């Protein structure tokens, strides 16, 4: 499993970091920060030891990496975690199961690796999705969509009889 990208919000813009301080602030290994400087384009002052990184440059680098990793899906595409790419469902077929009154789960097979892909979609978008792929609407479990009145576990009547104290004989 690939680690999550560190948040640019953990970096102070007006601070100058050493490699070690940047690694600690981001929860990464020092060698990772060095690799970012050497191979990935993180700007650092390498003229002196320790190398210095401006907070503004580090924050910009992290923001660029985070934006690059985000994927905007078309309505009829689902993201396959096996292939790590957005895919149109195999056979242009998906199933929709309503989860709440306004949203539901779209489920389909990946055409490349045959794994199950899921996507939460708004019910209002269902017709636009149906224009691109065939969608079978499954009946949701009524208990999930609208819960009945919760069971009452009212112990106040019992406590009133015993005054909330345990009586031992």
N, C-alpha and C. Protein backbone atom coordinates (compact mmCIF):
# COMPACT_ATOMS: atom_id res chain seq x y z
N UNK A 1 0.84 -1.17 0.00
CA UNK A 1 0.00 0.00 0.00
C UNK A 1 0.89 1.24 0.00
N UNK A 2 0.55 2.18 -0.82
CA UNK A 2 1.32 3.41 -0.94
C UNK A 2 0.94 4.38 0.17
N UNK A 3 1.95 5.02 0.85
CA UNK A 3 1.61 5.95 1.92
C UNK A 3 0.91 7.19 1.38
N UNK A 4 0.10 7.78 2.24
CA UNK A 4 -0.61 9.00 1.85
C UNK A 4 0.37 10.13 1.62
N UNK A 5 -0.01 11.03 0.75
CA UNK A 5 0.83 12.20 0.50
C UNK A 5 0.79 13.12 1.72
N UNK A 6 1.94 13.66 2.12
CA UNK A 6 1.93 14.56 3.27
C UNK A 6 1.19 15.85 2.95
N UNK A 7 0.56 16.40 3.95
CA UNK A 7 -0.23 17.62 3.77
C UNK A 7 0.68 18.85 3.72
N UNK A 8 0.48 19.73 2.73
CA UNK A 8 1.24 20.98 2.69
C UNK A 8 0.91 21.89 3.88
N UNK A 9 -0.20 21.64 4.56
CA UNK A 9 -0.60 22.48 5.69
C UNK A 9 0.29 22.28 6.91
N UNK A 10 1.12 21.24 6.91
CA UNK A 10 2.02 21.01 8.03
C UNK A 10 3.28 21.86 7.94
N UNK A 11 3.43 22.60 6.85
CA UNK A 11 4.64 23.39 6.60
C UNK A 11 4.33 24.87 6.79
N UNK A 12 5.23 25.56 7.48
CA UNK A 12 5.11 27.00 7.67
C UNK A 12 5.82 27.70 6.52
N UNK A 13 5.13 28.61 5.86
CA UNK A 13 5.64 29.27 4.66
C UNK A 13 6.89 30.10 4.93
N UNK A 14 6.96 30.80 6.04
CA UNK A 14 8.06 31.73 6.31
C UNK A 14 9.19 31.10 7.12
N UNK A 15 9.25 29.78 7.19
CA UNK A 15 10.26 29.08 7.95
C UNK A 15 11.24 28.43 6.99
N UNK A 16 12.50 28.34 7.39
CA UNK A 16 13.51 27.65 6.59
C UNK A 16 13.82 26.33 7.29
N UNK A 17 13.69 25.23 6.55
CA UNK A 17 13.84 23.90 7.11
C UNK A 17 15.16 23.27 6.69
N UNK A 18 15.76 22.50 7.58
CA UNK A 18 16.85 21.61 7.18
C UNK A 18 16.18 20.34 6.67
N UNK A 19 16.95 19.47 6.06
CA UNK A 19 16.39 18.21 5.56
C UNK A 19 15.78 17.43 6.72
N UNK A 20 16.47 17.41 7.85
CA UNK A 20 16.00 16.67 9.01
C UNK A 20 14.68 17.25 9.55
N UNK A 21 14.60 18.58 9.64
CA UNK A 21 13.38 19.22 10.14
C UNK A 21 12.20 19.00 9.20
N UNK A 22 12.45 19.05 7.90
CA UNK A 22 11.38 18.80 6.92
C UNK A 22 10.88 17.37 7.04
N UNK A 23 11.81 16.43 7.21
CA UNK A 23 11.42 15.02 7.36
C UNK A 23 10.57 14.82 8.61
N UNK A 24 10.96 15.45 9.71
CA UNK A 24 10.18 15.32 10.94
C UNK A 24 8.80 15.97 10.80
N UNK A 25 8.74 17.14 10.19
CA UNK A 25 7.46 17.84 10.04
C UNK A 25 6.48 17.05 9.18
N UNK A 26 7.00 16.33 8.19
CA UNK A 26 6.14 15.60 7.26
C UNK A 26 5.97 14.13 7.62
N UNK A 27 6.69 13.66 8.63
CA UNK A 27 6.60 12.26 9.00
C UNK A 27 7.21 11.35 7.96
N UNK A 28 8.27 11.80 7.33
CA UNK A 28 8.97 11.03 6.30
C UNK A 28 10.42 10.78 6.73
N UNK A 29 11.08 9.88 6.05
CA UNK A 29 12.48 9.61 6.28
C UNK A 29 13.32 10.72 5.66
N UNK A 30 14.47 10.98 6.25
CA UNK A 30 15.38 12.01 5.75
C UNK A 30 15.81 11.71 4.32
N UNK A 31 15.99 10.44 3.99
CA UNK A 31 16.40 10.06 2.64
C UNK A 31 15.31 10.37 1.60
N UNK A 32 14.05 10.34 2.03
CA UNK A 32 12.95 10.70 1.13
C UNK A 32 13.06 12.16 0.73
N UNK A 33 13.35 13.03 1.69
CA UNK A 33 13.48 14.46 1.40
C UNK A 33 14.69 14.69 0.49
N UNK A 34 15.78 13.99 0.73
CA UNK A 34 16.97 14.12 -0.12
C UNK A 34 16.65 13.66 -1.54
N UNK A 35 15.90 12.57 -1.68
CA UNK A 35 15.51 12.07 -3.01
C UNK A 35 14.61 13.08 -3.72
N UNK A 36 13.71 13.73 -2.98
CA UNK A 36 12.87 14.77 -3.57
C UNK A 36 13.73 15.91 -4.10
N UNK A 37 14.78 16.26 -3.37
CA UNK A 37 15.66 17.34 -3.81
C UNK A 37 16.45 16.94 -5.04
N UNK A 38 17.02 15.74 -5.02
CA UNK A 38 17.89 15.30 -6.13
C UNK A 38 17.11 14.91 -7.38
N UNK A 39 16.00 14.19 -7.22
CA UNK A 39 15.32 13.60 -8.38
C UNK A 39 13.99 14.25 -8.74
N UNK A 40 13.27 14.76 -7.78
CA UNK A 40 11.89 15.19 -8.03
C UNK A 40 11.71 16.69 -8.20
N UNK A 41 12.77 17.47 -7.99
CA UNK A 41 12.68 18.89 -8.28
C UNK A 41 12.37 19.79 -7.09
N UNK A 42 12.50 19.29 -5.86
CA UNK A 42 12.32 20.15 -4.70
C UNK A 42 13.51 21.11 -4.62
N UNK A 43 13.22 22.40 -4.56
CA UNK A 43 14.26 23.43 -4.55
C UNK A 43 14.86 23.52 -3.15
N UNK A 44 16.20 23.47 -3.07
CA UNK A 44 16.90 23.59 -1.79
C UNK A 44 18.23 24.27 -2.03
N UNK A 45 18.74 24.94 -1.00
CA UNK A 45 20.07 25.55 -1.05
C UNK A 45 21.07 24.46 -0.67
N UNK A 46 21.77 23.94 -1.68
CA UNK A 46 22.71 22.84 -1.47
C UNK A 46 24.15 23.34 -1.35
N UNK A 47 24.32 24.66 -1.23
CA UNK A 47 25.65 25.24 -1.15
C UNK A 47 26.33 25.01 0.19
N UNK A 48 25.57 24.80 1.23
CA UNK A 48 26.11 24.61 2.57
C UNK A 48 25.53 23.32 3.16
N UNK A 49 26.19 22.86 4.21
CA UNK A 49 25.65 21.73 4.95
C UNK A 49 25.19 22.28 6.28
N UNK A 50 24.01 22.05 6.76
CA UNK A 50 22.95 21.23 6.16
C UNK A 50 22.22 21.98 5.04
N UNK A 51 21.64 21.19 4.13
CA UNK A 51 20.87 21.78 3.05
C UNK A 51 19.66 22.49 3.64
N UNK A 52 19.31 23.63 3.06
CA UNK A 52 18.19 24.41 3.57
C UNK A 52 17.07 24.47 2.54
N UNK A 53 15.85 24.35 3.03
CA UNK A 53 14.67 24.35 2.16
C UNK A 53 13.74 25.44 2.67
N UNK A 54 13.37 26.36 1.80
CA UNK A 54 12.41 27.39 2.18
C UNK A 54 11.03 26.74 2.33
N UNK A 55 10.32 27.16 3.36
CA UNK A 55 8.98 26.62 3.60
C UNK A 55 8.06 26.84 2.43
N UNK A 56 8.17 28.00 1.78
CA UNK A 56 7.34 28.32 0.62
C UNK A 56 7.59 27.31 -0.51
N UNK A 57 8.88 26.96 -0.75
CA UNK A 57 9.21 26.02 -1.82
C UNK A 57 8.71 24.60 -1.49
N UNK A 58 8.85 24.20 -0.23
CA UNK A 58 8.40 22.88 0.18
C UNK A 58 6.88 22.77 0.08
N UNK A 59 6.20 23.81 0.52
CA UNK A 59 4.73 23.83 0.45
C UNK A 59 4.24 23.77 -0.99
N UNK A 60 4.90 24.51 -1.87
CA UNK A 60 4.54 24.51 -3.30
C UNK A 60 4.80 23.14 -3.91
N UNK A 61 5.92 22.52 -3.58
CA UNK A 61 6.26 21.19 -4.08
C UNK A 61 5.21 20.16 -3.66
N UNK A 62 4.83 20.19 -2.39
CA UNK A 62 3.83 19.24 -1.89
C UNK A 62 2.46 19.49 -2.51
N UNK A 63 2.10 20.76 -2.69
CA UNK A 63 0.82 21.08 -3.31
C UNK A 63 0.76 20.61 -4.75
N UNK A 64 1.86 20.75 -5.48
CA UNK A 64 1.92 20.29 -6.87
C UNK A 64 1.78 18.77 -6.93
N UNK A 65 2.49 18.06 -6.05
CA UNK A 65 2.40 16.59 -6.04
C UNK A 65 0.99 16.12 -5.70
N UNK A 66 0.36 16.80 -4.76
CA UNK A 66 -1.00 16.43 -4.35
C UNK A 66 -1.99 16.67 -5.48
N UNK A 67 -1.87 17.82 -6.16
CA UNK A 67 -2.78 18.14 -7.26
C UNK A 67 -2.59 17.17 -8.42
N UNK A 68 -1.33 16.77 -8.66
CA UNK A 68 -1.04 15.85 -9.75
C UNK A 68 -1.63 14.46 -9.50
N UNK A 69 -1.75 14.07 -8.23
CA UNK A 69 -2.25 12.74 -7.91
C UNK A 69 -3.77 12.65 -7.93
N UNK A 70 -4.46 13.78 -7.88
CA UNK A 70 -5.92 13.76 -7.88
C UNK A 70 -6.44 13.43 -9.28
N UNK A 71 -7.51 12.66 -9.33
CA UNK A 71 -8.11 12.25 -10.60
C UNK A 71 -9.57 12.71 -10.62
N UNK A 72 -9.94 13.46 -11.64
CA UNK A 72 -11.32 13.87 -11.82
C UNK A 72 -12.00 12.85 -12.71
N UNK A 73 -13.03 12.21 -12.18
CA UNK A 73 -13.72 11.16 -12.92
C UNK A 73 -14.90 11.72 -13.70
N UNK A 74 -15.10 11.16 -14.90
CA UNK A 74 -16.34 11.43 -15.62
C UNK A 74 -17.47 10.73 -14.85
N UNK A 75 -18.69 11.19 -15.02
CA UNK A 75 -19.81 10.61 -14.28
C UNK A 75 -19.93 9.10 -14.47
N UNK A 76 -19.68 8.61 -15.68
CA UNK A 76 -19.87 7.20 -15.96
C UNK A 76 -18.60 6.37 -15.74
N UNK A 77 -17.53 6.97 -15.24
CA UNK A 77 -16.29 6.24 -14.93
C UNK A 77 -16.23 5.94 -13.45
N UNK A 78 -15.61 4.82 -13.12
CA UNK A 78 -15.37 4.43 -11.75
C UNK A 78 -13.87 4.23 -11.59
N UNK A 79 -13.33 4.44 -10.41
CA UNK A 79 -11.89 4.30 -10.21
C UNK A 79 -11.59 2.88 -9.79
N UNK A 80 -10.66 2.24 -10.51
CA UNK A 80 -10.25 0.88 -10.19
C UNK A 80 -8.99 0.96 -9.33
N UNK A 81 -9.06 0.44 -8.11
CA UNK A 81 -7.90 0.47 -7.23
C UNK A 81 -6.86 -0.57 -7.64
N UNK A 82 -7.26 -1.59 -8.38
CA UNK A 82 -6.31 -2.58 -8.88
C UNK A 82 -5.44 -1.99 -9.98
N UNK A 83 -6.06 -1.32 -10.93
CA UNK A 83 -5.33 -0.72 -12.06
C UNK A 83 -4.83 0.69 -11.73
N UNK A 84 -5.42 1.31 -10.71
CA UNK A 84 -5.11 2.69 -10.31
C UNK A 84 -5.40 3.70 -11.41
N UNK A 85 -6.49 3.46 -12.14
CA UNK A 85 -6.91 4.37 -13.20
C UNK A 85 -8.44 4.43 -13.24
N UNK A 86 -8.99 5.53 -13.76
CA UNK A 86 -10.44 5.55 -13.98
C UNK A 86 -10.80 4.64 -15.15
N UNK A 87 -11.87 3.91 -15.01
CA UNK A 87 -12.27 2.95 -16.04
C UNK A 87 -13.76 3.09 -16.31
N UNK A 88 -14.13 2.83 -17.57
CA UNK A 88 -15.53 2.66 -17.90
C UNK A 88 -15.87 1.22 -17.56
N UNK A 89 -17.02 0.95 -16.96
CA UNK A 89 -17.35 -0.42 -16.54
C UNK A 89 -17.31 -1.42 -17.68
N UNK A 90 -16.97 -2.66 -17.33
CA UNK A 90 -16.93 -3.75 -18.30
C UNK A 90 -18.32 -3.96 -18.88
N UNK A 91 -18.41 -3.98 -20.20
CA UNK A 91 -19.69 -4.16 -20.88
C UNK A 91 -20.61 -2.96 -20.76
N UNK A 92 -20.07 -1.84 -20.31
CA UNK A 92 -20.86 -0.62 -20.10
C UNK A 92 -22.10 -0.91 -19.26
N UNK A 93 -21.89 -1.69 -18.17
CA UNK A 93 -22.99 -2.07 -17.29
C UNK A 93 -22.58 -1.86 -15.83
N UNK A 94 -23.48 -1.29 -15.04
CA UNK A 94 -23.25 -1.09 -13.62
C UNK A 94 -24.55 -1.28 -12.86
N UNK A 95 -24.44 -1.52 -11.56
CA UNK A 95 -25.59 -1.64 -10.69
C UNK A 95 -25.60 -0.45 -9.73
N UNK A 96 -26.79 0.06 -9.47
CA UNK A 96 -26.96 1.18 -8.55
C UNK A 96 -27.81 0.70 -7.38
N UNK A 97 -27.32 0.92 -6.17
CA UNK A 97 -28.07 0.61 -4.97
C UNK A 97 -28.19 1.88 -4.14
N UNK A 98 -29.41 2.24 -3.82
CA UNK A 98 -29.64 3.47 -3.07
C UNK A 98 -29.19 3.27 -1.63
N UNK A 99 -28.41 4.23 -1.11
CA UNK A 99 -27.93 4.15 0.26
C UNK A 99 -28.66 5.13 1.17
N UNK A 100 -28.87 6.34 0.68
CA UNK A 100 -29.62 7.36 1.41
C UNK A 100 -30.67 7.90 0.44
N UNK A 101 -31.56 8.76 0.89
CA UNK A 101 -32.56 9.29 -0.04
C UNK A 101 -31.96 10.07 -1.22
N UNK A 102 -30.74 10.60 -1.08
CA UNK A 102 -30.16 11.41 -2.16
C UNK A 102 -28.95 10.78 -2.84
N UNK A 103 -28.36 9.74 -2.26
CA UNK A 103 -27.16 9.13 -2.84
C UNK A 103 -27.28 7.62 -2.89
N UNK A 104 -26.37 7.04 -3.67
CA UNK A 104 -26.33 5.59 -3.77
C UNK A 104 -24.97 5.13 -4.22
N UNK A 105 -24.80 3.83 -4.30
CA UNK A 105 -23.53 3.22 -4.67
C UNK A 105 -23.63 2.62 -6.06
N UNK A 106 -22.71 3.03 -6.93
CA UNK A 106 -22.61 2.46 -8.27
C UNK A 106 -21.54 1.39 -8.20
N UNK A 107 -21.83 0.19 -8.68
CA UNK A 107 -20.91 -0.94 -8.58
C UNK A 107 -20.79 -1.57 -9.96
N UNK A 108 -19.53 -1.83 -10.39
CA UNK A 108 -19.30 -2.42 -11.71
C UNK A 108 -17.99 -3.19 -11.69
N UNK A 109 -17.75 -3.95 -12.77
CA UNK A 109 -16.49 -4.68 -12.92
C UNK A 109 -15.53 -3.90 -13.78
N UNK A 110 -14.24 -3.99 -13.43
CA UNK A 110 -13.19 -3.35 -14.22
C UNK A 110 -12.95 -4.18 -15.48
N UNK A 111 -12.87 -3.54 -16.64
CA UNK A 111 -12.64 -4.30 -17.87
C UNK A 111 -11.21 -4.86 -17.97
N UNK A 112 -10.26 -4.28 -17.26
CA UNK A 112 -8.86 -4.73 -17.34
C UNK A 112 -8.54 -5.86 -16.39
N UNK A 113 -8.91 -5.68 -15.11
CA UNK A 113 -8.49 -6.68 -14.11
C UNK A 113 -9.66 -7.43 -13.48
N UNK A 114 -10.89 -7.13 -13.87
CA UNK A 114 -12.11 -7.81 -13.41
C UNK A 114 -12.35 -7.65 -11.92
N UNK A 115 -11.77 -6.64 -11.28
CA UNK A 115 -12.08 -6.40 -9.87
C UNK A 115 -13.32 -5.52 -9.77
N UNK A 116 -13.94 -5.50 -8.60
CA UNK A 116 -15.15 -4.72 -8.41
C UNK A 116 -14.77 -3.27 -8.12
N UNK A 117 -15.42 -2.36 -8.85
CA UNK A 117 -15.21 -0.93 -8.66
C UNK A 117 -16.47 -0.35 -8.03
N UNK A 118 -16.32 0.60 -7.11
CA UNK A 118 -17.44 1.25 -6.45
C UNK A 118 -17.30 2.76 -6.58
N UNK A 119 -18.44 3.44 -6.59
CA UNK A 119 -18.43 4.90 -6.63
C UNK A 119 -19.74 5.39 -6.03
N UNK A 120 -19.65 6.35 -5.12
CA UNK A 120 -20.84 6.97 -4.55
C UNK A 120 -21.29 8.05 -5.53
N UNK A 121 -22.56 8.00 -5.91
CA UNK A 121 -23.11 8.99 -6.85
C UNK A 121 -24.41 9.56 -6.30
N UNK A 122 -24.73 10.76 -6.76
CA UNK A 122 -26.00 11.37 -6.39
C UNK A 122 -27.12 10.76 -7.23
N UNK A 123 -28.25 10.60 -6.63
CA UNK A 123 -29.40 10.06 -7.36
C UNK A 123 -29.78 10.97 -8.52
N UNK A 124 -29.58 12.27 -8.36
CA UNK A 124 -29.90 13.23 -9.40
C UNK A 124 -29.02 13.03 -10.64
N UNK A 125 -27.82 12.48 -10.49
CA UNK A 125 -26.91 12.25 -11.61
C UNK A 125 -27.17 10.93 -12.33
N UNK A 126 -28.08 10.14 -11.83
CA UNK A 126 -28.30 8.80 -12.38
C UNK A 126 -28.74 8.82 -13.84
N UNK A 127 -29.58 9.77 -14.24
CA UNK A 127 -30.03 9.83 -15.63
C UNK A 127 -28.89 10.19 -16.58
N UNK A 128 -28.01 11.09 -16.15
CA UNK A 128 -26.85 11.45 -16.98
C UNK A 128 -25.91 10.25 -17.13
N UNK A 129 -25.78 9.46 -16.09
CA UNK A 129 -24.94 8.25 -16.16
C UNK A 129 -25.58 7.23 -17.08
N UNK A 130 -26.90 7.10 -16.99
CA UNK A 130 -27.62 6.14 -17.85
C UNK A 130 -27.53 6.49 -19.33
N UNK A 131 -27.24 7.74 -19.65
CA UNK A 131 -27.07 8.13 -21.05
C UNK A 131 -25.80 7.53 -21.63
N UNK A 132 -24.81 7.22 -20.78
CA UNK A 132 -23.52 6.68 -21.24
C UNK A 132 -23.40 5.17 -21.06
N UNK A 133 -23.93 4.65 -19.94
CA UNK A 133 -23.84 3.21 -19.67
C UNK A 133 -25.18 2.71 -19.17
N UNK A 134 -25.37 1.39 -19.23
CA UNK A 134 -26.61 0.79 -18.73
C UNK A 134 -26.49 0.61 -17.22
N UNK A 135 -27.51 1.05 -16.49
CA UNK A 135 -27.49 0.97 -15.03
C UNK A 135 -28.73 0.22 -14.57
N UNK A 136 -28.52 -0.85 -13.82
CA UNK A 136 -29.62 -1.60 -13.21
C UNK A 136 -29.78 -1.09 -11.79
N UNK A 137 -30.99 -0.67 -11.46
CA UNK A 137 -31.26 -0.14 -10.12
C UNK A 137 -31.70 -1.30 -9.24
N UNK A 138 -30.93 -1.54 -8.18
CA UNK A 138 -31.24 -2.60 -7.23
C UNK A 138 -32.06 -2.00 -6.09
N UNK A 139 -32.95 -2.79 -5.54
CA UNK A 139 -33.73 -2.33 -4.40
C UNK A 139 -32.84 -2.34 -3.17
N UNK A 140 -32.81 -1.23 -2.47
CA UNK A 140 -31.99 -1.12 -1.27
C UNK A 140 -32.68 -1.82 -0.11
N UNK A 141 -31.90 -2.21 0.85
CA UNK A 141 -32.43 -2.77 2.07
C UNK A 141 -33.21 -1.65 2.75
N UNK A 142 -34.51 -1.81 2.98
CA UNK A 142 -35.30 -0.70 3.54
C UNK A 142 -34.78 -0.24 4.90
N UNK A 143 -34.13 -1.11 5.61
CA UNK A 143 -33.60 -0.74 6.91
C UNK A 143 -32.44 0.26 6.76
N UNK A 144 -31.69 0.18 5.66
CA UNK A 144 -30.59 1.10 5.45
C UNK A 144 -31.06 2.46 4.97
N UNK A 145 -32.13 2.48 4.18
CA UNK A 145 -32.60 3.72 3.61
C UNK A 145 -33.39 4.54 4.61
N UNK A 146 -34.34 3.92 5.28
CA UNK A 146 -35.13 4.64 6.28
C UNK A 146 -35.24 3.75 7.51
N UNK A 147 -34.57 4.16 8.53
CA UNK A 147 -34.57 3.37 9.75
C UNK A 147 -35.90 3.52 10.48
N UNK A 148 -36.43 2.42 11.00
CA UNK A 148 -37.65 2.53 11.81
C UNK A 148 -37.31 3.23 13.12
N UNK A 149 -38.33 3.46 13.93
CA UNK A 149 -38.10 4.10 15.23
C UNK A 149 -37.11 3.25 16.02
N UNK A 150 -36.13 3.88 16.65
CA UNK A 150 -35.14 3.10 17.39
C UNK A 150 -35.77 2.38 18.57
N UNK A 151 -35.25 1.21 18.93
CA UNK A 151 -35.81 0.50 20.08
C UNK A 151 -35.54 1.29 21.36
N UNK A 152 -36.48 1.25 22.23
CA UNK A 152 -36.33 2.00 23.47
C UNK A 152 -35.73 1.11 24.54
N UNK A 153 -34.64 1.53 25.06
CA UNK A 153 -34.01 0.85 26.19
C UNK A 153 -34.17 1.77 27.39
N UNK A 154 -35.38 1.93 27.81
CA UNK A 154 -35.70 2.88 28.87
C UNK A 154 -35.60 2.17 30.21
N UNK A 155 -34.61 2.54 30.96
CA UNK A 155 -34.43 1.94 32.29
C UNK A 155 -34.84 2.89 33.40
N UNK A 156 -35.38 4.06 33.04
CA UNK A 156 -35.74 5.04 34.06
C UNK A 156 -36.84 4.54 34.98
N UNK A 157 -37.77 3.73 34.47
CA UNK A 157 -38.85 3.21 35.31
C UNK A 157 -38.29 2.25 36.35
N UNK A 158 -37.36 1.41 35.97
CA UNK A 158 -36.75 0.48 36.91
C UNK A 158 -35.93 1.22 37.95
N UNK A 159 -35.20 2.26 37.52
CA UNK A 159 -34.38 3.03 38.44
C UNK A 159 -35.25 3.79 39.43
N UNK A 160 -36.43 4.25 38.99
CA UNK A 160 -37.33 4.97 39.89
C UNK A 160 -37.82 4.06 41.00
N UNK A 161 -38.05 2.78 40.70
CA UNK A 161 -38.53 1.83 41.70
C UNK A 161 -37.44 1.53 42.72
N UNK A 162 -36.18 1.48 42.29
CA UNK A 162 -35.09 1.12 43.20
C UNK A 162 -34.33 2.35 43.67
N UNK A 163 -34.76 3.54 43.29
CA UNK A 163 -34.09 4.79 43.63
C UNK A 163 -32.65 4.81 43.13
N UNK A 164 -32.35 4.02 42.09
CA UNK A 164 -31.03 4.02 41.48
C UNK A 164 -29.98 3.38 42.35
N UNK A 165 -30.36 2.78 43.48
CA UNK A 165 -29.39 2.14 44.38
C UNK A 165 -29.60 0.64 44.35
N UNK A 166 -28.52 -0.06 44.51
CA UNK A 166 -28.61 -1.51 44.58
C UNK A 166 -28.89 -1.90 46.02
N UNK A 167 -29.86 -2.78 46.21
CA UNK A 167 -30.21 -3.23 47.55
C UNK A 167 -29.70 -4.66 47.69
N UNK A 168 -28.91 -4.89 48.71
CA UNK A 168 -28.36 -6.21 48.95
C UNK A 168 -28.96 -6.80 50.22
N UNK A 169 -29.21 -8.06 50.21
CA UNK A 169 -29.74 -8.73 51.41
C UNK A 169 -28.80 -9.75 51.88
